[in-house]
Structures are given as C-alpha cells and as structure tokens.
C-alpha cells in the first residue's frame, strides 16, 4: 500500500494550471482556483496559470509553450474532457504527448466511480509526458479536480510517496534525448 516516507524531504514541484472553457474567465474559474489552492497548500509552486477557449490548436500551443519552459514541471488542465463536440482537450493533450500515462485515466475512473457511480464513464481524463514535463487533463468540475488532486496527484507529485512517485523519475523523463 502507498505511504509517505517522513525520513525524506519534500520537493516542491512547479505546476502550471490551464483552464479550458468557452464561457469562464479567470475570475469565475472555480476549478482552477481549487487546483491552485490544493497545490500551493501542499507546498508546490504555481508556475503559471491561463485560460483558453475550447480550441484544439490553442490548447496544444499553450501546452507546448509550457513544455518548453524550464520553470514548469507539471501542467494540469481542467475542462474539455467530456463527450460533446467542443470537448477537445484530450485530443490537444495527445497532440503533444511523447508517452501517455494510460493508468492515469483508469485510476481516475476508479476514484470517480466511488463518488459519482457510472457517470464516471463520461470522463476522458488523461495523463502523459512530453519534453520532460508531466501533463494531466481533468474534467472541469470542482469535484473532479478535488478527487484527482486528493486521490492521485497529491501523492504522485510527492517525492516522499512510496513505493514510487512521478517526482523521483523527473531526471529520467528525457534521458532518450541526451547524448551518451
């Protein structure tokens, strides 16, 4: 079972938050606010925050700019993961992934099933890696953001989490691009 190893030091991670919405502004972005409060409350650093409309090219472009920014370790987007015609966040994420973290969506669905039952099937939450940066696409509801952070990301983004975590393998995410 997972646990926190208190003999290790906490390592803050620099996280960018992207809200995808045709209707919200940053002033009305409760899901983004929820993620910011949770990540800073855990001791991580808010690297940047933005909002873009439900446009695949705009989303992919924003993700690429943050991936190229050495001050961003993790990108979490909220919104646009559903099934409607305007929901293109998952496709935008997959446009930039080098590797998809397949189990992230599965684990998110398991967590969601405990909260909202079979309605969890409507979410297409996803995770991946590109340019040494982790990316996660979450639904736009505050409940989904709380669940993803509290049950998955807060643990995997904590270096002290055992038996393993995302932070400890940061140095190896782009090892295939280094010269030998």
C-alpha atoms as a PDB file:
ATOM      1  CA  UNK A   1       0.000   0.000   0.000  1.00  0.00           C
ATOM      2  CA  UNK A   2       1.120   3.559  -0.559  1.00  0.00           C
ATOM      3  CA  UNK A   3       2.563   5.706   2.194  1.00  0.00           C
ATOM      4  CA  UNK A   4       4.570   8.858   2.862  1.00  0.00           C
ATOM      5  CA  UNK A   5       8.174   8.306   3.958  1.00  0.00           C
ATOM      6  CA  UNK A   6       8.751  11.076   6.514  1.00  0.00           C
ATOM      7  CA  UNK A   7      12.514  10.441   6.507  1.00  0.00           C
ATOM      8  CA  UNK A   8      12.715  12.076   3.045  1.00  0.00           C
ATOM      9  CA  UNK A   9      12.490  15.804   2.347  1.00  0.00           C
ATOM     10  CA  UNK A  10       9.518  17.206   0.441  1.00  0.00           C
ATOM     11  CA  UNK A  11      10.470  18.537  -3.009  1.00  0.00           C
ATOM     12  CA  UNK A  12       8.195  21.301  -4.348  1.00  0.00           C
ATOM     13  CA  UNK A  13       7.092  20.882  -7.955  1.00  0.00           C
ATOM     14  CA  UNK A  14       6.381  23.813 -10.303  1.00  0.00           C
ATOM     15  CA  UNK A  15       2.855  23.385 -11.667  1.00  0.00           C
ATOM     16  CA  UNK A  16       1.006  25.344 -14.368  1.00  0.00           C
ATOM     17  CA  UNK A  17      -2.804  25.339 -14.402  1.00  0.00           C
ATOM     18  CA  UNK A  18      -4.724  25.658 -17.663  1.00  0.00           C
ATOM     19  CA  UNK A  19      -8.488  26.085 -17.704  1.00  0.00           C
ATOM     20  CA  UNK A  20     -10.240  25.241 -20.957  1.00  0.00           C
ATOM     21  CA  UNK A  21     -13.586  26.993 -21.313  1.00  0.00           C
ATOM     22  CA  UNK A  22     -15.625  28.977 -23.806  1.00  0.00           C
ATOM     23  CA  UNK A  23     -17.590  30.646 -21.022  1.00  0.00           C
ATOM     24  CA  UNK A  24     -15.376  31.201 -17.983  1.00  0.00           C
ATOM     25  CA  UNK A  25     -12.869  33.894 -17.162  1.00  0.00           C
ATOM     26  CA  UNK A  26     -10.128  33.543 -14.552  1.00  0.00           C
ATOM     27  CA  UNK A  27     -12.356  35.468 -12.134  1.00  0.00           C
ATOM     28  CA  UNK A  28     -15.030  32.753 -12.446  1.00  0.00           C
ATOM     29  CA  UNK A  29     -12.689  29.763 -12.617  1.00  0.00           C
ATOM     30  CA  UNK A  30     -13.631  27.722  -9.543  1.00  0.00           C
ATOM     31  CA  UNK A  31     -11.939  24.532 -10.770  1.00  0.00           C
ATOM     32  CA  UNK A  32      -8.684  26.354 -11.460  1.00  0.00           C
ATOM     33  CA  UNK A  33      -8.958  28.050  -8.058  1.00  0.00           C
ATOM     34  CA  UNK A  34      -9.477  24.644  -6.439  1.00  0.00           C
ATOM     35  CA  UNK A  35      -6.333  23.238  -8.046  1.00  0.00           C
ATOM     36  CA  UNK A  36      -4.262  26.312  -7.169  1.00  0.00           C
ATOM     37  CA  UNK A  37      -5.388  26.161  -3.526  1.00  0.00           C
ATOM     38  CA  UNK A  38      -4.596  22.471  -3.273  1.00  0.00           C
ATOM     39  CA  UNK A  39      -1.198  22.564  -4.961  1.00  0.00           C
ATOM     40  CA  UNK A  40       0.024  25.617  -3.021  1.00  0.00           C
ATOM     41  CA  UNK A  41      -1.454  24.210   0.184  1.00  0.00           C
ATOM     42  CA  UNK A  42       0.619  21.075  -0.365  1.00  0.00           C
ATOM     43  CA  UNK A  43       3.794  23.169  -0.717  1.00  0.00           C
ATOM     44  CA  UNK A  44       4.131  23.159  -4.500  1.00  0.00           C
ATOM     45  CA  UNK A  45       4.707  26.269  -6.631  1.00  0.00           C
ATOM     46  CA  UNK A  46       2.164  27.771  -9.020  1.00  0.00           C
ATOM     47  CA  UNK A  47       4.394  28.272 -12.078  1.00  0.00           C
ATOM     48  CA  UNK A  48       1.730  29.899 -14.256  1.00  0.00           C
ATOM     49  CA  UNK A  49      -1.985  29.965 -14.895  1.00  0.00           C
ATOM     50  CA  UNK A  50      -4.019  30.628 -18.022  1.00  0.00           C
ATOM     51  CA  UNK A  51      -7.415  30.140 -19.595  1.00  0.00           C
ATOM     52  CA  UNK A  52      -8.075  29.278 -23.251  1.00  0.00           C
ATOM     53  CA  UNK A  53     -11.177  28.503 -25.253  1.00  0.00           C
ATOM     54  CA  UNK A  54     -12.149  25.021 -26.372  1.00  0.00           C
ATOM     55  CA  UNK A  55      -9.925  25.128 -29.439  1.00  0.00           C
ATOM     56  CA  UNK A  56      -7.583  22.218 -30.088  1.00  0.00           C
ATOM     57  CA  UNK A  57      -4.829  24.302 -31.692  1.00  0.00           C
ATOM     58  CA  UNK A  58      -4.915  26.944 -28.936  1.00  0.00           C
ATOM     59  CA  UNK A  59      -4.781  24.289 -26.218  1.00  0.00           C
ATOM     60  CA  UNK A  60      -1.910  22.399 -27.890  1.00  0.00           C
ATOM     61  CA  UNK A  61       0.002  25.640 -28.431  1.00  0.00           C
ATOM     62  CA  UNK A  62      -0.336  26.619 -24.760  1.00  0.00           C
ATOM     63  CA  UNK A  63       0.770  23.158 -23.659  1.00  0.00           C
ATOM     64  CA  UNK A  64       3.814  23.282 -25.970  1.00  0.00           C
ATOM     65  CA  UNK A  65       4.894  26.686 -24.646  1.00  0.00           C
ATOM     66  CA  UNK A  66       4.769  25.415 -21.071  1.00  0.00           C
ATOM     67  CA  UNK A  67       6.530  22.173 -22.019  1.00  0.00           C
ATOM     68  CA  UNK A  68       9.368  24.299 -23.444  1.00  0.00           C
ATOM     69  CA  UNK A  69       9.529  26.424 -20.271  1.00  0.00           C
ATOM     70  CA  UNK A  70      12.167  25.084 -17.847  1.00  0.00           C
ATOM     71  CA  UNK A  71      10.212  26.687 -14.975  1.00  0.00           C
ATOM     72  CA  UNK A  72       7.251  24.296 -15.498  1.00  0.00           C
ATOM     73  CA  UNK A  73       7.474  20.692 -14.298  1.00  0.00           C
ATOM     74  CA  UNK A  74       3.788  19.733 -14.476  1.00  0.00           C
ATOM     75  CA  UNK A  75       0.777  21.007 -16.406  1.00  0.00           C
ATOM     76  CA  UNK A  76      -2.732  20.334 -15.155  1.00  0.00           C
ATOM     77  CA  UNK A  77      -5.625  21.340 -17.374  1.00  0.00           C
ATOM     78  CA  UNK A  78      -9.260  21.402 -16.325  1.00  0.00           C
ATOM     79  CA  UNK A  79     -12.206  21.309 -18.705  1.00  0.00           C
ATOM     80  CA  UNK A  80     -12.948  19.927 -22.140  1.00  0.00           C
ATOM     81  CA  UNK A  81     -12.566  16.229 -21.340  1.00  0.00           C
ATOM     82  CA  UNK A  82     -16.181  15.237 -21.949  1.00  0.00           C
ATOM     83  CA  UNK A  83     -18.027  13.902 -24.958  1.00  0.00           C
ATOM     84  CA  UNK A  84     -19.542  16.995 -26.560  1.00  0.00           C
ATOM     85  CA  UNK A  85     -18.415  18.445 -29.863  1.00  0.00           C
ATOM     86  CA  UNK A  86     -16.452  21.265 -28.195  1.00  0.00           C
ATOM     87  CA  UNK A  87     -14.589  18.904 -25.821  1.00  0.00           C
ATOM     88  CA  UNK A  88     -11.153  18.711 -27.488  1.00  0.00           C
ATOM     89  CA  UNK A  89      -8.744  18.946 -24.549  1.00  0.00           C
ATOM     90  CA  UNK A  90      -7.884  15.245 -24.634  1.00  0.00           C
ATOM     91  CA  UNK A  91      -7.074  15.411 -28.342  1.00  0.00           C
ATOM     92  CA  UNK A  92      -4.928  18.520 -27.757  1.00  0.00           C
ATOM     93  CA  UNK A  93      -3.029  16.742 -24.980  1.00  0.00           C
ATOM     94  CA  UNK A  94      -2.451  13.720 -27.178  1.00  0.00           C
ATOM     95  CA  UNK A  95      -1.126  16.026 -29.916  1.00  0.00           C
ATOM     96  CA  UNK A  96       1.818  16.833 -27.642  1.00  0.00           C
ATOM     97  CA  UNK A  97       2.372  13.625 -25.649  1.00  0.00           C
ATOM     98  CA  UNK A  98       5.527  11.631 -26.204  1.00  0.00           C
ATOM     99  CA  UNK A  99       4.150   8.952 -23.900  1.00  0.00           C
ATOM    100  CA  UNK A 100       0.674   8.540 -22.488  1.00  0.00           C
ATOM    101  CA  UNK A 101       0.220   7.507 -18.866  1.00  0.00           C
ATOM    102  CA  UNK A 102      -2.583   5.044 -19.612  1.00  0.00           C
ATOM    103  CA  UNK A 103      -3.248   4.116 -15.997  1.00  0.00           C
ATOM    104  CA  UNK A 104      -3.973   7.731 -15.016  1.00  0.00           C
ATOM    105  CA  UNK A 105      -7.349   7.678 -16.770  1.00  0.00           C
ATOM    106  CA  UNK A 106      -8.110   4.251 -15.355  1.00  0.00           C
ATOM    107  CA  UNK A 107      -7.269   5.239 -11.786  1.00  0.00           C
ATOM    108  CA  UNK A 108      -9.235   8.480 -12.182  1.00  0.00           C
ATOM    109  CA  UNK A 109     -12.252   6.451 -13.332  1.00  0.00           C
ATOM    110  CA  UNK A 110     -11.952   4.175 -10.289  1.00  0.00           C
ATOM    111  CA  UNK A 111     -11.803   7.204  -7.968  1.00  0.00           C
ATOM    112  CA  UNK A 112     -14.746   8.819  -9.790  1.00  0.00           C
ATOM    113  CA  UNK A 113     -16.852   5.648  -9.606  1.00  0.00           C
ATOM    114  CA  UNK A 114     -16.719   5.873  -5.825  1.00  0.00           C
ATOM    115  CA  UNK A 115     -18.113   9.432  -5.983  1.00  0.00           C
ATOM    116  CA  UNK A 116     -20.461   9.585  -8.986  1.00  0.00           C
ATOM    117  CA  UNK A 117     -21.073   5.961  -9.942  1.00  0.00           C
ATOM    118  CA  UNK A 118     -21.445   5.049 -13.586  1.00  0.00           C
ATOM    119  CA  UNK A 119     -21.450   8.721 -14.633  1.00  0.00           C
ATOM    120  CA  UNK A 120     -17.655   8.367 -14.422  1.00  0.00           C
ATOM    121  CA  UNK A 121     -17.784   6.721 -17.840  1.00  0.00           C
ATOM    122  CA  UNK A 122     -18.352  10.171 -19.398  1.00  0.00           C
ATOM    123  CA  UNK A 123     -14.914  11.470 -18.393  1.00  0.00           C
ATOM    124  CA  UNK A 124     -11.881  11.123 -20.617  1.00  0.00           C
ATOM    125  CA  UNK A 125      -9.274  12.271 -18.084  1.00  0.00           C
ATOM    126  CA  UNK A 126      -5.783  11.593 -19.382  1.00  0.00           C
ATOM    127  CA  UNK A 127      -2.132  11.985 -18.481  1.00  0.00           C
ATOM    128  CA  UNK A 128       1.118  11.935 -20.369  1.00  0.00           C
ATOM    129  CA  UNK A 129       4.702  13.118 -20.648  1.00  0.00           C
ATOM    130  CA  UNK A 130       6.356  15.451 -23.162  1.00  0.00           C
ATOM    131  CA  UNK A 131       9.694  17.227 -23.056  1.00  0.00           C
ATOM    132  CA  UNK A 132      10.358  16.098 -19.503  1.00  0.00           C
ATOM    133  CA  UNK A 133       7.038  17.608 -18.348  1.00  0.00           C
ATOM    134  CA  UNK A 134       4.045  15.755 -16.923  1.00  0.00           C
ATOM    135  CA  UNK A 135       0.635  16.711 -18.314  1.00  0.00           C
ATOM    136  CA  UNK A 136      -2.780  15.859 -16.881  1.00  0.00           C
ATOM    137  CA  UNK A 137      -6.203  16.696 -18.334  1.00  0.00           C
ATOM    138  CA  UNK A 138      -9.013  16.759 -15.762  1.00  0.00           C
ATOM    139  CA  UNK A 139     -12.731  17.388 -16.120  1.00  0.00           C
ATOM    140  CA  UNK A 140     -13.958  20.916 -15.481  1.00  0.00           C
ATOM    141  CA  UNK A 141     -15.943  20.250 -12.320  1.00  0.00           C
ATOM    142  CA  UNK A 142     -14.524  21.257  -8.954  1.00  0.00           C
ATOM    143  CA  UNK A 143     -15.412  17.823  -7.590  1.00  0.00           C
ATOM    144  CA  UNK A 144     -13.389  16.072 -10.279  1.00  0.00           C
ATOM    145  CA  UNK A 145     -10.433  18.402  -9.675  1.00  0.00           C
ATOM    146  CA  UNK A 146     -10.586  17.740  -5.924  1.00  0.00           C
ATOM    147  CA  UNK A 147     -10.791  13.987  -6.476  1.00  0.00           C
ATOM    148  CA  UNK A 148      -7.908  13.896  -8.972  1.00  0.00           C
ATOM    149  CA  UNK A 149      -5.694  16.027  -6.739  1.00  0.00           C
ATOM    150  CA  UNK A 150      -6.590  14.455  -3.398  1.00  0.00           C
ATOM    151  CA  UNK A 151      -6.599  10.822  -4.507  1.00  0.00           C
ATOM    152  CA  UNK A 152      -3.918  10.705  -7.216  1.00  0.00           C
ATOM    153  CA  UNK A 153      -1.829  13.785  -7.969  1.00  0.00           C
ATOM    154  CA  UNK A 154      -1.078  14.902  -4.410  1.00  0.00           C
ATOM    155  CA  UNK A 155       0.511  11.512  -3.827  1.00  0.00           C
ATOM    156  CA  UNK A 156       2.270  11.001  -7.141  1.00  0.00           C
ATOM    157  CA  UNK A 157       3.689  14.542  -7.038  1.00  0.00           C
ATOM    158  CA  UNK A 158       5.106  13.995  -3.546  1.00  0.00           C
ATOM    159  CA  UNK A 159       8.701  12.755  -3.598  1.00  0.00           C
ATOM    160  CA  UNK A 160       8.152  11.037  -0.250  1.00  0.00           C
ATOM    161  CA  UNK A 161       5.335   8.820  -1.574  1.00  0.00           C
ATOM    162  CA  UNK A 162       6.189   5.119  -1.605  1.00  0.00           C
ATOM    163  CA  UNK A 163       6.601   2.716  -3.212  1.00  0.00           C
ATOM    164  CA  UNK A 164       7.134   5.147  -6.123  1.00  0.00           C
ATOM    165  CA  UNK A 165       6.132   8.565  -7.454  1.00  0.00           C
ATOM    166  CA  UNK A 166       6.419  10.815 -10.510  1.00  0.00           C
ATOM    167  CA  UNK A 167       8.929  13.195  -8.898  1.00  0.00           C
ATOM    168  CA  UNK A 168      11.692  10.636  -8.418  1.00  0.00           C
ATOM    169  CA  UNK A 169      11.801   9.886 -12.146  1.00  0.00           C
ATOM    170  CA  UNK A 170      11.877  13.519 -13.359  1.00  0.00           C
ATOM    171  CA  UNK A 171      15.600  13.257 -14.217  1.00  0.00           C
ATOM    172  CA  UNK A 172      14.917  10.260 -16.451  1.00  0.00           C
ATOM    173  CA  UNK A 173      11.924  11.563 -18.436  1.00  0.00           C
ATOM    174  CA  UNK A 174      14.104  12.945 -21.210  1.00  0.00           C
ATOM    175  CA  UNK A 175      17.056  10.560 -20.973  1.00  0.00           C
ATOM    176  CA  UNK A 176      16.383   9.331 -24.524  1.00  0.00           C
ATOM    177  CA  UNK A 177      17.265  12.821 -25.802  1.00  0.00           C
ATOM    178  CA  UNK A 178      20.651  13.069 -24.062  1.00  0.00           C
ATOM    179  CA  UNK A 179      23.855  12.156 -25.800  1.00  0.00           C
ATOM    180  CA  UNK A 180      25.798   9.232 -24.472  1.00  0.00           C
END
